[in-house]
Amino acid sequence: MPPQVLKRISVRWFPDPAYEDTDTIALNVGGYFLDLRVENSDASLQWCRAGERKVVNEKPFSYQWTRIIDSSGVLDPDKATWDWEELGNGDALEAGIAHCPSRDGALTPYEEVWRDVTHPGPTSYSWILQSVDGTTFLGSVGGTFLGMKSYQDGGFAVRRNEWDPDKRAWDTRFDGGKVAAIPKVDDVAESILTAMENRRVDTSITIADVEYVVRSFEKTSDSPS
């Protein structure tokens, strides 16, 4: 799959009807992901996580998400089927069994509907970085940037930026926690494009005195905006 920004359209915990109470996006580049969920009611952080994503079955097509950092503190892997064709409108249907927050964590069948909302940014490169100590993930796909950092005390910092083509600048869509520890997207982009001239993943780069490893790096077909 090419690099993508996906927006969740709805979630359903069976047998209840589908609904959406968050602004949820996920960035996927290669075998890594970042996932941010912000409450619609008060713009607070509901949940965020980052880690590895891999295909575990072809029929039915299924992914496994392995959480490396997670604001809930739960690091158990998730597995679900994924179908871009069943809904017939271009959206993807994810289906699986997971711990339902509103049912005291009871394992419950669920469905989520996801839509590709990838839009151009200032470059046509997408990437995900992980700090060497494992606590921080930075990712950019098109015109969307996410940064996440976990702290030993259980705290979490999250930043989301979106590219504004009219202003030719990044707007802040969400900041939560001690975001000063998350480098600004312009600084990250400049460092990674310089370092990735050889286009090799697992390259180490230093940003704001923190060493990162390039986990995913891909060129997309989108032209800069």
N, C-alpha and C. Protein backbone atom coordinates (compact mmCIF):
# COMPACT_ATOMS: atom_id res chain seq x y z
N MET A 1 0.84 -1.20 0.00
CA MET A 1 0.00 0.00 0.00
C MET A 1 0.87 1.25 0.00
N PRO A 2 0.46 2.27 -0.74
CA PRO A 2 1.22 3.53 -0.71
C PRO A 2 1.04 4.24 0.62
N PRO A 3 1.90 5.21 0.93
CA PRO A 3 1.68 6.00 2.15
C PRO A 3 0.29 6.63 2.15
N GLN A 4 -0.35 6.62 3.30
CA GLN A 4 -1.72 7.11 3.40
C GLN A 4 -1.96 7.86 4.70
N VAL A 5 -2.90 8.81 4.62
CA VAL A 5 -3.54 9.37 5.81
C VAL A 5 -4.98 8.88 5.77
N LEU A 6 -5.40 8.17 6.80
CA LEU A 6 -6.75 7.65 6.88
C LEU A 6 -7.52 8.36 7.99
N LYS A 7 -8.77 8.68 7.70
CA LYS A 7 -9.66 9.29 8.70
C LYS A 7 -10.76 8.29 9.03
N ARG A 8 -10.99 8.09 10.33
CA ARG A 8 -12.07 7.19 10.70
C ARG A 8 -13.41 7.89 10.53
N ILE A 9 -14.34 7.21 9.88
CA ILE A 9 -15.67 7.75 9.64
C ILE A 9 -16.65 7.29 10.70
N SER A 10 -16.49 6.06 11.17
CA SER A 10 -17.40 5.55 12.21
C SER A 10 -16.78 4.34 12.89
N VAL A 11 -17.30 4.05 14.08
CA VAL A 11 -16.95 2.83 14.81
C VAL A 11 -18.25 2.20 15.29
N ARG A 12 -18.29 0.89 15.29
CA ARG A 12 -19.47 0.17 15.79
C ARG A 12 -19.01 -0.94 16.72
N TRP A 13 -19.54 -0.94 17.94
CA TRP A 13 -19.34 -2.03 18.89
C TRP A 13 -20.64 -2.84 18.91
N PHE A 14 -20.59 -4.05 18.39
CA PHE A 14 -21.82 -4.83 18.24
C PHE A 14 -22.42 -5.17 19.61
N PRO A 15 -23.77 -5.18 19.68
CA PRO A 15 -24.75 -4.98 18.61
C PRO A 15 -25.20 -3.53 18.45
N ASP A 16 -24.55 -2.58 19.10
CA ASP A 16 -24.97 -1.18 19.04
C ASP A 16 -24.74 -0.59 17.65
N PRO A 17 -25.45 0.49 17.31
CA PRO A 17 -25.25 1.13 16.00
C PRO A 17 -23.91 1.85 15.91
N ALA A 18 -23.51 2.16 14.70
CA ALA A 18 -22.25 2.87 14.45
C ALA A 18 -22.38 4.34 14.86
N TYR A 19 -21.25 4.94 15.24
CA TYR A 19 -21.22 6.35 15.62
C TYR A 19 -19.80 6.85 15.43
N GLU A 20 -19.60 8.15 15.61
CA GLU A 20 -18.25 8.72 15.62
C GLU A 20 -18.21 9.87 16.61
N ASP A 21 -17.37 9.74 17.63
CA ASP A 21 -17.26 10.77 18.66
C ASP A 21 -15.86 11.38 18.72
N THR A 22 -15.03 11.10 17.70
CA THR A 22 -13.66 11.60 17.70
C THR A 22 -13.27 12.13 16.33
N ASP A 23 -12.18 12.89 16.33
CA ASP A 23 -11.46 13.21 15.10
C ASP A 23 -10.25 12.29 15.09
N THR A 24 -10.34 11.21 14.34
CA THR A 24 -9.32 10.16 14.35
C THR A 24 -8.63 10.08 13.01
N ILE A 25 -7.29 10.11 13.02
CA ILE A 25 -6.53 9.89 11.80
C ILE A 25 -5.41 8.89 12.08
N ALA A 26 -5.01 8.20 11.03
CA ALA A 26 -3.89 7.27 11.10
C ALA A 26 -2.96 7.51 9.92
N LEU A 27 -1.66 7.51 10.18
CA LEU A 27 -0.64 7.62 9.14
C LEU A 27 -0.01 6.25 8.95
N ASN A 28 0.07 5.80 7.70
CA ASN A 28 0.70 4.53 7.38
C ASN A 28 1.80 4.74 6.35
N VAL A 29 3.02 4.35 6.69
CA VAL A 29 4.13 4.40 5.75
C VAL A 29 4.91 3.09 5.90
N GLY A 30 4.95 2.30 4.84
CA GLY A 30 5.65 1.03 4.93
C GLY A 30 5.06 0.17 6.04
N GLY A 31 5.92 -0.35 6.90
CA GLY A 31 5.45 -1.23 7.96
C GLY A 31 5.23 -0.56 9.29
N TYR A 32 5.02 0.78 9.29
CA TYR A 32 4.84 1.52 10.55
C TYR A 32 3.61 2.42 10.47
N PHE A 33 3.08 2.79 11.64
CA PHE A 33 1.88 3.62 11.70
C PHE A 33 1.92 4.54 12.90
N LEU A 34 1.13 5.62 12.82
CA LEU A 34 0.79 6.47 13.96
C LEU A 34 -0.71 6.68 13.92
N ASP A 35 -1.36 6.72 15.09
CA ASP A 35 -2.82 6.78 15.18
C ASP A 35 -3.18 7.75 16.29
N LEU A 36 -3.95 8.79 15.95
CA LEU A 36 -4.35 9.83 16.91
C LEU A 36 -5.86 9.96 16.94
N ARG A 37 -6.44 9.98 18.16
CA ARG A 37 -7.88 10.09 18.33
C ARG A 37 -8.17 11.21 19.34
N VAL A 38 -8.88 12.24 18.89
CA VAL A 38 -9.17 13.42 19.70
C VAL A 38 -10.68 13.53 19.87
N GLU A 39 -11.12 13.75 21.10
CA GLU A 39 -12.56 13.85 21.40
C GLU A 39 -13.19 15.04 20.67
N ASN A 40 -14.32 14.79 20.00
CA ASN A 40 -15.05 15.89 19.36
C ASN A 40 -15.66 16.84 20.38
N SER A 41 -16.03 16.32 21.54
CA SER A 41 -16.78 17.12 22.51
C SER A 41 -15.95 18.24 23.12
N ASP A 42 -14.68 17.97 23.45
CA ASP A 42 -13.88 18.98 24.13
C ASP A 42 -12.45 19.09 23.60
N ALA A 43 -12.18 18.45 22.45
CA ALA A 43 -10.85 18.52 21.81
C ALA A 43 -9.73 17.99 22.71
N SER A 44 -10.06 17.04 23.59
CA SER A 44 -9.04 16.42 24.44
C SER A 44 -8.56 15.12 23.79
N LEU A 45 -7.39 14.67 24.22
CA LEU A 45 -6.84 13.43 23.69
C LEU A 45 -7.64 12.24 24.23
N GLN A 46 -8.17 11.44 23.33
CA GLN A 46 -8.80 10.19 23.75
C GLN A 46 -7.78 9.05 23.79
N TRP A 47 -6.96 8.98 22.72
CA TRP A 47 -6.05 7.84 22.61
C TRP A 47 -5.06 8.11 21.49
N CYS A 48 -3.82 7.69 21.64
CA CYS A 48 -2.88 7.71 20.53
C CYS A 48 -1.90 6.57 20.70
N ARG A 49 -1.33 6.14 19.59
CA ARG A 49 -0.42 5.01 19.61
C ARG A 49 0.42 5.02 18.34
N ALA A 50 1.52 4.31 18.37
CA ALA A 50 2.39 4.18 17.20
C ALA A 50 3.13 2.87 17.30
N GLY A 51 3.49 2.32 16.14
CA GLY A 51 4.21 1.06 16.14
C GLY A 51 4.32 0.47 14.76
N GLU A 52 4.32 -0.86 14.72
CA GLU A 52 4.50 -1.58 13.46
C GLU A 52 3.18 -2.14 12.96
N ARG A 53 3.07 -2.19 11.63
CA ARG A 53 1.88 -2.75 10.98
C ARG A 53 2.35 -3.75 9.93
N LYS A 54 1.78 -4.95 9.95
CA LYS A 54 2.17 -5.93 8.94
C LYS A 54 0.97 -6.75 8.50
N VAL A 55 1.04 -7.24 7.27
CA VAL A 55 0.01 -8.13 6.73
C VAL A 55 0.25 -9.52 7.30
N VAL A 56 -0.81 -10.11 7.88
CA VAL A 56 -0.67 -11.45 8.47
C VAL A 56 -1.49 -12.50 7.72
N ASN A 57 -2.46 -12.06 6.90
CA ASN A 57 -3.24 -12.98 6.07
C ASN A 57 -3.59 -12.28 4.76
N GLU A 58 -3.66 -13.05 3.69
CA GLU A 58 -4.10 -12.51 2.40
C GLU A 58 -5.59 -12.74 2.19
N LYS A 59 -6.12 -13.87 2.69
CA LYS A 59 -7.54 -14.19 2.53
C LYS A 59 -8.06 -14.74 3.85
N PRO A 60 -8.91 -14.02 4.56
CA PRO A 60 -9.25 -12.61 4.29
C PRO A 60 -8.05 -11.71 4.61
N PHE A 61 -7.94 -10.61 3.87
CA PHE A 61 -6.81 -9.71 4.05
C PHE A 61 -6.85 -9.14 5.47
N SER A 62 -5.74 -9.31 6.20
CA SER A 62 -5.73 -8.92 7.62
C SER A 62 -4.40 -8.27 7.98
N TYR A 63 -4.50 -7.27 8.86
CA TYR A 63 -3.32 -6.60 9.40
C TYR A 63 -3.16 -6.98 10.87
N GLN A 64 -1.91 -6.87 11.33
CA GLN A 64 -1.63 -6.86 12.77
C GLN A 64 -0.90 -5.58 13.10
N TRP A 65 -1.39 -4.87 14.13
CA TRP A 65 -0.76 -3.64 14.60
C TRP A 65 -0.07 -3.95 15.93
N THR A 66 1.24 -3.77 15.98
CA THR A 66 2.00 -3.98 17.20
C THR A 66 2.33 -2.63 17.81
N ARG A 67 1.78 -2.34 18.97
CA ARG A 67 1.97 -1.03 19.61
C ARG A 67 3.33 -0.98 20.29
N ILE A 68 4.08 0.05 19.96
CA ILE A 68 5.36 0.28 20.63
C ILE A 68 5.20 1.33 21.71
N ILE A 69 4.43 2.38 21.42
CA ILE A 69 4.01 3.34 22.45
C ILE A 69 2.50 3.48 22.35
N ASP A 70 1.85 3.69 23.48
CA ASP A 70 0.38 3.76 23.51
C ASP A 70 -0.03 4.56 24.74
N SER A 71 -0.84 5.59 24.54
CA SER A 71 -1.23 6.46 25.65
C SER A 71 -2.09 5.74 26.69
N SER A 72 -2.71 4.62 26.31
CA SER A 72 -3.52 3.85 27.26
C SER A 72 -2.67 2.94 28.13
N GLY A 73 -1.41 2.74 27.74
CA GLY A 73 -0.54 1.84 28.48
C GLY A 73 -0.67 0.39 28.08
N VAL A 74 -1.61 0.08 27.19
CA VAL A 74 -1.82 -1.30 26.73
C VAL A 74 -1.00 -1.52 25.46
N LEU A 75 -0.15 -2.55 25.47
CA LEU A 75 0.73 -2.79 24.33
C LEU A 75 0.42 -4.11 23.62
N ASP A 76 -0.72 -4.72 23.93
CA ASP A 76 -1.10 -5.96 23.24
C ASP A 76 -1.32 -5.67 21.76
N PRO A 77 -0.88 -6.56 20.86
CA PRO A 77 -1.10 -6.33 19.43
C PRO A 77 -2.58 -6.48 19.06
N ASP A 78 -2.98 -5.81 18.00
CA ASP A 78 -4.34 -5.91 17.46
C ASP A 78 -4.28 -6.59 16.11
N LYS A 79 -5.33 -7.34 15.78
CA LYS A 79 -5.44 -7.96 14.47
C LYS A 79 -6.85 -7.77 13.96
N ALA A 80 -7.00 -7.42 12.67
CA ALA A 80 -8.32 -7.19 12.11
C ALA A 80 -8.28 -7.39 10.60
N THR A 81 -9.44 -7.75 10.03
CA THR A 81 -9.55 -7.82 8.57
C THR A 81 -9.71 -6.41 8.02
N TRP A 82 -9.37 -6.27 6.73
CA TRP A 82 -9.36 -4.95 6.09
C TRP A 82 -9.84 -5.12 4.66
N ASP A 83 -10.92 -4.40 4.28
CA ASP A 83 -11.53 -4.59 2.96
C ASP A 83 -11.85 -3.24 2.34
N TRP A 84 -11.21 -2.94 1.18
CA TRP A 84 -11.45 -1.68 0.48
C TRP A 84 -12.62 -1.78 -0.50
N GLU A 85 -13.21 -2.97 -0.68
CA GLU A 85 -14.21 -3.15 -1.73
C GLU A 85 -15.62 -3.37 -1.21
N GLU A 86 -15.78 -3.91 0.00
CA GLU A 86 -17.11 -4.32 0.47
C GLU A 86 -18.10 -3.16 0.51
N LEU A 87 -17.66 -1.97 0.92
CA LEU A 87 -18.59 -0.84 1.07
C LEU A 87 -18.96 -0.23 -0.28
N GLY A 88 -18.11 -0.39 -1.29
CA GLY A 88 -18.45 0.06 -2.63
C GLY A 88 -18.30 1.54 -2.89
N ASN A 89 -17.80 2.31 -1.92
CA ASN A 89 -17.67 3.77 -2.11
C ASN A 89 -16.23 4.25 -1.96
N GLY A 90 -15.29 3.32 -1.91
CA GLY A 90 -13.89 3.70 -1.76
C GLY A 90 -13.40 3.70 -0.33
N ASP A 91 -14.32 3.65 0.65
CA ASP A 91 -13.92 3.56 2.05
C ASP A 91 -13.51 2.12 2.39
N ALA A 92 -12.73 1.99 3.46
CA ALA A 92 -12.28 0.66 3.90
C ALA A 92 -13.05 0.24 5.15
N LEU A 93 -13.35 -1.05 5.22
CA LEU A 93 -14.03 -1.61 6.38
C LEU A 93 -13.04 -2.46 7.17
N GLU A 94 -12.82 -2.08 8.42
CA GLU A 94 -11.99 -2.86 9.35
C GLU A 94 -12.91 -3.61 10.30
N ALA A 95 -12.63 -4.88 10.53
CA ALA A 95 -13.47 -5.68 11.42
C ALA A 95 -12.61 -6.59 12.27
N GLY A 96 -12.95 -6.67 13.56
CA GLY A 96 -12.18 -7.52 14.45
C GLY A 96 -12.83 -7.63 15.81
N ILE A 97 -12.06 -8.02 16.80
CA ILE A 97 -12.50 -8.11 18.19
C ILE A 97 -11.50 -7.35 19.04
N ALA A 98 -11.99 -6.46 19.90
CA ALA A 98 -11.09 -5.63 20.70
C ALA A 98 -11.72 -5.33 22.05
N HIS A 99 -10.91 -4.77 22.95
CA HIS A 99 -11.41 -4.37 24.27
C HIS A 99 -12.23 -3.09 24.13
N CYS A 100 -13.49 -3.14 24.49
CA CYS A 100 -14.39 -1.99 24.36
C CYS A 100 -14.28 -1.09 25.60
N PRO A 101 -13.85 0.17 25.43
CA PRO A 101 -13.67 1.06 26.59
C PRO A 101 -14.95 1.29 27.38
N SER A 102 -16.09 1.35 26.70
CA SER A 102 -17.35 1.65 27.38
C SER A 102 -17.98 0.42 28.03
N ARG A 103 -17.34 -0.74 27.89
CA ARG A 103 -17.85 -1.97 28.49
C ARG A 103 -16.80 -2.59 29.41
N ASP A 104 -16.09 -1.72 30.12
CA ASP A 104 -15.07 -2.15 31.08
C ASP A 104 -14.00 -3.04 30.45
N GLY A 105 -13.70 -2.75 29.18
CA GLY A 105 -12.64 -3.49 28.50
C GLY A 105 -13.02 -4.86 28.01
N ALA A 106 -14.31 -5.18 27.99
CA ALA A 106 -14.75 -6.50 27.54
C ALA A 106 -14.43 -6.69 26.06
N LEU A 107 -13.95 -7.88 25.70
CA LEU A 107 -13.69 -8.18 24.30
C LEU A 107 -15.00 -8.19 23.52
N THR A 108 -15.06 -7.37 22.47
CA THR A 108 -16.30 -7.12 21.75
C THR A 108 -16.03 -7.05 20.25
N PRO A 109 -16.85 -7.69 19.42
CA PRO A 109 -16.71 -7.51 17.98
C PRO A 109 -16.97 -6.05 17.60
N TYR A 110 -16.19 -5.55 16.66
CA TYR A 110 -16.34 -4.15 16.24
C TYR A 110 -16.12 -4.02 14.75
N GLU A 111 -16.57 -2.88 14.20
CA GLU A 111 -16.27 -2.47 12.83
C GLU A 111 -15.89 -1.00 12.84
N GLU A 112 -14.91 -0.64 12.04
CA GLU A 112 -14.56 0.75 11.81
C GLU A 112 -14.53 1.01 10.31
N VAL A 113 -15.00 2.19 9.92
CA VAL A 113 -14.95 2.61 8.52
C VAL A 113 -13.90 3.70 8.39
N TRP A 114 -12.99 3.53 7.43
CA TRP A 114 -11.88 4.45 7.23
C TRP A 114 -11.90 5.03 5.82
N ARG A 115 -11.50 6.29 5.70
CA ARG A 115 -11.47 6.98 4.40
C ARG A 115 -10.07 7.55 4.16
N ASP A 116 -9.58 7.39 2.95
CA ASP A 116 -8.29 7.95 2.57
C ASP A 116 -8.44 9.46 2.38
N VAL A 117 -7.75 10.25 3.21
CA VAL A 117 -7.83 11.72 3.12
C VAL A 117 -6.44 12.31 2.87
N THR A 118 -5.57 11.52 2.26
CA THR A 118 -4.22 12.00 1.95
C THR A 118 -4.29 13.22 1.05
N HIS A 119 -3.57 14.26 1.40
CA HIS A 119 -3.54 15.47 0.56
C HIS A 119 -2.10 15.95 0.44
N PRO A 120 -1.77 16.67 -0.63
CA PRO A 120 -0.37 17.05 -0.88
C PRO A 120 0.18 17.97 0.20
N GLY A 121 1.47 17.84 0.42
CA GLY A 121 2.20 18.73 1.31
C GLY A 121 3.31 19.44 0.57
N PRO A 122 4.29 19.96 1.27
CA PRO A 122 5.35 20.73 0.62
C PRO A 122 6.35 19.87 -0.14
N THR A 123 6.38 18.55 0.13
CA THR A 123 7.24 17.64 -0.62
C THR A 123 6.43 16.39 -0.96
N SER A 124 6.98 15.55 -1.80
CA SER A 124 6.29 14.31 -2.16
C SER A 124 6.90 13.11 -1.44
N TYR A 125 7.50 13.33 -0.28
CA TYR A 125 8.08 12.25 0.51
C TYR A 125 7.26 12.01 1.77
N SER A 126 7.16 10.74 2.14
CA SER A 126 6.49 10.34 3.37
C SER A 126 7.47 9.52 4.21
N TRP A 127 7.37 9.64 5.53
CA TRP A 127 8.35 8.99 6.38
C TRP A 127 7.83 8.82 7.81
N ILE A 128 8.43 7.86 8.51
CA ILE A 128 8.19 7.68 9.94
C ILE A 128 9.54 7.45 10.61
N LEU A 129 9.79 8.20 11.68
CA LEU A 129 11.02 8.08 12.46
C LEU A 129 10.68 7.58 13.86
N GLN A 130 11.62 6.86 14.47
CA GLN A 130 11.51 6.44 15.86
C GLN A 130 12.79 6.82 16.58
N SER A 131 12.66 7.43 17.76
CA SER A 131 13.86 7.76 18.53
C SER A 131 14.57 6.48 18.96
N VAL A 132 15.88 6.58 19.11
CA VAL A 132 16.68 5.41 19.47
C VAL A 132 16.24 4.83 20.81
N ASP A 133 15.78 5.68 21.73
CA ASP A 133 15.32 5.16 23.02
C ASP A 133 13.90 4.58 22.95
N GLY A 134 13.27 4.66 21.77
CA GLY A 134 11.98 4.02 21.55
C GLY A 134 10.77 4.80 22.01
N THR A 135 10.94 5.99 22.59
CA THR A 135 9.82 6.69 23.22
C THR A 135 9.10 7.68 22.31
N THR A 136 9.68 8.00 21.15
CA THR A 136 9.13 9.06 20.32
C THR A 136 8.98 8.58 18.88
N PHE A 137 7.83 8.90 18.28
CA PHE A 137 7.61 8.65 16.85
C PHE A 137 7.24 9.96 16.17
N LEU A 138 7.78 10.17 14.99
CA LEU A 138 7.45 11.31 14.15
C LEU A 138 7.08 10.78 12.78
N GLY A 139 6.00 11.30 12.19
CA GLY A 139 5.58 10.81 10.89
C GLY A 139 4.95 11.89 10.05
N SER A 140 5.16 11.81 8.74
CA SER A 140 4.56 12.77 7.81
C SER A 140 4.14 12.04 6.54
N VAL A 141 2.91 12.28 6.12
CA VAL A 141 2.39 11.78 4.85
C VAL A 141 1.69 12.94 4.17
N GLY A 142 2.18 13.33 2.98
CA GLY A 142 1.57 14.45 2.30
C GLY A 142 1.56 15.68 3.17
N GLY A 143 0.37 16.23 3.39
CA GLY A 143 0.23 17.45 4.18
C GLY A 143 -0.16 17.23 5.62
N THR A 144 0.13 16.06 6.18
CA THR A 144 -0.19 15.76 7.58
C THR A 144 1.05 15.31 8.33
N PHE A 145 1.26 15.87 9.52
CA PHE A 145 2.39 15.50 10.38
C PHE A 145 1.86 15.11 11.75
N LEU A 146 2.39 14.02 12.31
CA LEU A 146 2.09 13.62 13.68
C LEU A 146 3.39 13.38 14.43
N GLY A 147 3.44 13.83 15.67
CA GLY A 147 4.54 13.53 16.57
C GLY A 147 3.98 13.04 17.89
N MET A 148 4.56 11.97 18.43
CA MET A 148 4.09 11.39 19.70
C MET A 148 5.28 11.02 20.56
N LYS A 149 5.18 11.30 21.85
CA LYS A 149 6.24 10.93 22.80
C LYS A 149 5.61 10.39 24.08
N SER A 150 6.14 9.26 24.55
CA SER A 150 5.68 8.71 25.83
C SER A 150 6.72 8.98 26.91
N TYR A 151 6.24 9.18 28.14
CA TYR A 151 7.11 9.44 29.28
C TYR A 151 7.02 8.29 30.28
N GLN A 152 8.08 8.12 31.08
CA GLN A 152 8.12 7.01 32.03
C GLN A 152 7.01 7.08 33.06
N ASP A 153 6.53 8.29 33.35
CA ASP A 153 5.47 8.43 34.35
C ASP A 153 4.08 8.16 33.77
N GLY A 154 4.02 7.73 32.51
CA GLY A 154 2.74 7.46 31.87
C GLY A 154 2.20 8.63 31.08
N GLY A 155 2.84 9.79 31.16
CA GLY A 155 2.40 10.95 30.39
C GLY A 155 2.67 10.78 28.91
N PHE A 156 1.98 11.58 28.12
CA PHE A 156 2.11 11.51 26.67
C PHE A 156 2.07 12.91 26.09
N ALA A 157 2.86 13.13 25.05
CA ALA A 157 2.82 14.39 24.31
C ALA A 157 2.49 14.08 22.86
N VAL A 158 1.62 14.90 22.27
CA VAL A 158 1.18 14.66 20.90
C VAL A 158 1.07 15.99 20.16
N ARG A 159 1.49 15.97 18.91
CA ARG A 159 1.32 17.15 18.06
C ARG A 159 0.82 16.71 16.69
N ARG A 160 -0.15 17.47 16.16
CA ARG A 160 -0.63 17.25 14.79
C ARG A 160 -0.57 18.57 14.04
N ASN A 161 0.05 18.54 12.86
CA ASN A 161 0.10 19.71 11.98
C ASN A 161 -0.48 19.35 10.62
N GLU A 162 -1.13 20.33 10.00
CA GLU A 162 -1.65 20.17 8.64
C GLU A 162 -1.10 21.28 7.75
N TRP A 163 -0.71 20.93 6.54
CA TRP A 163 -0.14 21.88 5.59
C TRP A 163 -1.23 22.74 4.98
N ASP A 164 -1.04 24.07 5.02
CA ASP A 164 -1.96 25.02 4.39
C ASP A 164 -1.32 25.51 3.09
N PRO A 165 -1.82 25.07 1.93
CA PRO A 165 -1.17 25.45 0.67
C PRO A 165 -1.29 26.94 0.36
N ASP A 166 -2.32 27.60 0.88
CA ASP A 166 -2.47 29.04 0.62
C ASP A 166 -1.42 29.84 1.38
N LYS A 167 -1.18 29.47 2.63
CA LYS A 167 -0.19 30.18 3.44
C LYS A 167 1.22 29.62 3.25
N ARG A 168 1.32 28.45 2.58
CA ARG A 168 2.61 27.77 2.43
C ARG A 168 3.26 27.56 3.79
N ALA A 169 2.47 27.07 4.73
CA ALA A 169 2.96 26.88 6.10
C ALA A 169 2.15 25.78 6.78
N TRP A 170 2.72 25.25 7.87
CA TRP A 170 2.05 24.22 8.66
C TRP A 170 1.19 24.87 9.74
N ASP A 171 -0.07 24.46 9.83
CA ASP A 171 -0.96 24.89 10.90
C ASP A 171 -1.00 23.83 11.99
N THR A 172 -1.15 24.27 13.23
CA THR A 172 -1.29 23.34 14.35
C THR A 172 -2.75 22.94 14.47
N ARG A 173 -3.02 21.64 14.36
CA ARG A 173 -4.38 21.13 14.51
C ARG A 173 -4.62 20.61 15.94
N PHE A 174 -3.56 20.07 16.57
CA PHE A 174 -3.72 19.58 17.94
C PHE A 174 -2.37 19.56 18.64
N ASP A 175 -2.35 20.04 19.88
CA ASP A 175 -1.20 19.94 20.77
C ASP A 175 -1.69 19.40 22.10
N GLY A 176 -0.99 18.42 22.65
CA GLY A 176 -1.37 17.89 23.95
C GLY A 176 -0.15 17.41 24.71
N GLY A 177 -0.09 17.72 26.01
CA GLY A 177 1.04 17.29 26.83
C GLY A 177 2.26 18.18 26.64
N LYS A 178 3.42 17.65 27.00
CA LYS A 178 4.68 18.42 26.95
C LYS A 178 5.24 18.41 25.53
N VAL A 179 4.59 19.18 24.64
CA VAL A 179 4.93 19.11 23.22
C VAL A 179 6.25 19.78 22.89
N ALA A 180 6.85 20.51 23.83
CA ALA A 180 8.16 21.11 23.56
C ALA A 180 9.20 20.04 23.23
N ALA A 181 8.96 18.81 23.67
CA ALA A 181 9.90 17.72 23.40
C ALA A 181 9.74 17.15 21.99
N ILE A 182 8.69 17.55 21.28
CA ILE A 182 8.48 17.07 19.91
C ILE A 182 9.00 18.13 18.95
N PRO A 183 9.96 17.79 18.09
CA PRO A 183 10.51 18.80 17.18
C PRO A 183 9.47 19.29 16.19
N LYS A 184 9.67 20.51 15.71
CA LYS A 184 8.75 21.09 14.74
C LYS A 184 8.92 20.41 13.39
N VAL A 185 7.81 20.32 12.67
CA VAL A 185 7.81 19.56 11.43
C VAL A 185 8.79 20.11 10.41
N ASP A 186 8.95 21.43 10.33
CA ASP A 186 9.90 22.00 9.37
C ASP A 186 11.32 21.55 9.66
N ASP A 187 11.68 21.50 10.93
CA ASP A 187 13.03 21.06 11.31
C ASP A 187 13.24 19.58 10.98
N VAL A 188 12.21 18.78 11.22
CA VAL A 188 12.32 17.35 10.93
C VAL A 188 12.46 17.12 9.43
N ALA A 189 11.61 17.78 8.65
CA ALA A 189 11.61 17.58 7.20
C ALA A 189 12.95 17.95 6.58
N GLU A 190 13.51 19.06 7.02
CA GLU A 190 14.80 19.49 6.47
C GLU A 190 15.89 18.47 6.80
N SER A 191 15.89 17.98 8.03
CA SER A 191 16.91 17.02 8.44
C SER A 191 16.78 15.70 7.70
N ILE A 192 15.56 15.21 7.56
CA ILE A 192 15.40 13.89 6.97
C ILE A 192 15.67 13.91 5.47
N LEU A 193 15.28 14.96 4.77
CA LEU A 193 15.53 15.01 3.33
C LEU A 193 17.02 15.11 3.04
N THR A 194 17.75 15.80 3.89
CA THR A 194 19.21 15.86 3.73
C THR A 194 19.84 14.50 3.99
N ALA A 195 19.37 13.83 5.04
CA ALA A 195 19.97 12.56 5.43
C ALA A 195 19.60 11.41 4.50
N MET A 196 18.47 11.52 3.80
CA MET A 196 17.97 10.38 3.04
C MET A 196 18.32 10.43 1.57
N GLU A 197 19.41 11.06 1.22
CA GLU A 197 19.82 11.11 -0.17
C GLU A 197 20.06 9.71 -0.72
N ASN A 198 20.48 8.77 0.14
CA ASN A 198 20.70 7.40 -0.32
C ASN A 198 19.45 6.54 -0.22
N ARG A 199 18.34 7.11 0.31
CA ARG A 199 17.04 6.44 0.35
C ARG A 199 17.06 5.11 1.11
N ARG A 200 17.82 5.03 2.17
CA ARG A 200 17.90 3.78 2.94
C ARG A 200 17.21 3.93 4.28
N VAL A 201 16.30 2.98 4.57
CA VAL A 201 15.70 2.98 5.90
C VAL A 201 16.75 2.51 6.90
N ASP A 202 16.46 2.71 8.16
CA ASP A 202 17.37 2.42 9.28
C ASP A 202 18.55 3.37 9.33
N THR A 203 18.51 4.44 8.52
CA THR A 203 19.51 5.49 8.64
C THR A 203 19.27 6.26 9.94
N SER A 204 20.32 6.62 10.64
CA SER A 204 20.20 7.40 11.88
C SER A 204 20.39 8.87 11.58
N ILE A 205 19.54 9.70 12.16
CA ILE A 205 19.69 11.15 12.03
C ILE A 205 19.46 11.79 13.39
N THR A 206 20.05 12.95 13.59
CA THR A 206 19.92 13.66 14.86
C THR A 206 19.11 14.93 14.64
N ILE A 207 18.07 15.11 15.45
CA ILE A 207 17.20 16.28 15.38
C ILE A 207 17.07 16.83 16.79
N ALA A 208 17.45 18.10 16.98
CA ALA A 208 17.37 18.74 18.30
C ALA A 208 18.04 17.88 19.37
N ASP A 209 19.23 17.38 19.05
CA ASP A 209 20.05 16.60 19.98
C ASP A 209 19.48 15.24 20.34
N VAL A 210 18.47 14.78 19.61
CA VAL A 210 17.90 13.45 19.84
C VAL A 210 18.16 12.60 18.60
N GLU A 211 18.64 11.38 18.81
CA GLU A 211 18.93 10.50 17.68
C GLU A 211 17.69 9.68 17.32
N TYR A 212 17.39 9.67 16.02
CA TYR A 212 16.25 8.93 15.49
C TYR A 212 16.72 7.93 14.44
N VAL A 213 15.90 6.89 14.25
CA VAL A 213 16.13 5.93 13.18
C VAL A 213 14.99 6.06 12.18
N VAL A 214 15.31 6.11 10.89
CA VAL A 214 14.30 6.19 9.85
C VAL A 214 13.68 4.80 9.68
N ARG A 215 12.44 4.65 10.09
CA ARG A 215 11.77 3.36 10.00
C ARG A 215 11.12 3.15 8.63
N SER A 216 10.57 4.21 8.05
CA SER A 216 9.94 4.13 6.73
C SER A 216 10.23 5.42 5.98
N PHE A 217 10.46 5.30 4.68
CA PHE A 217 10.70 6.47 3.84
C PHE A 217 10.29 6.10 2.42
N GLU A 218 9.29 6.82 1.88
CA GLU A 218 8.80 6.50 0.54
C GLU A 218 8.48 7.78 -0.21
N LYS A 219 8.68 7.73 -1.51
CA LYS A 219 8.29 8.83 -2.38
C LYS A 219 6.90 8.53 -2.91
N THR A 220 6.02 9.51 -2.84
CA THR A 220 4.67 9.33 -3.33
C THR A 220 4.51 10.05 -4.66
N SER A 221 3.39 9.78 -5.32
CA SER A 221 3.15 10.38 -6.63
C SER A 221 2.58 11.79 -6.53
N ASP A 222 2.18 12.19 -5.31
CA ASP A 222 1.61 13.54 -5.14
C ASP A 222 2.66 14.60 -5.40
N SER A 223 2.31 15.64 -6.16
CA SER A 223 3.24 16.74 -6.34
C SER A 223 3.13 17.71 -5.20
N PRO A 224 4.25 18.37 -4.86
CA PRO A 224 4.21 19.34 -3.78
C PRO A 224 3.15 20.40 -4.02
N SER A 225 2.56 20.89 -2.94
CA SER A 225 1.52 21.92 -3.04
C SER A 225 2.01 23.22 -2.42
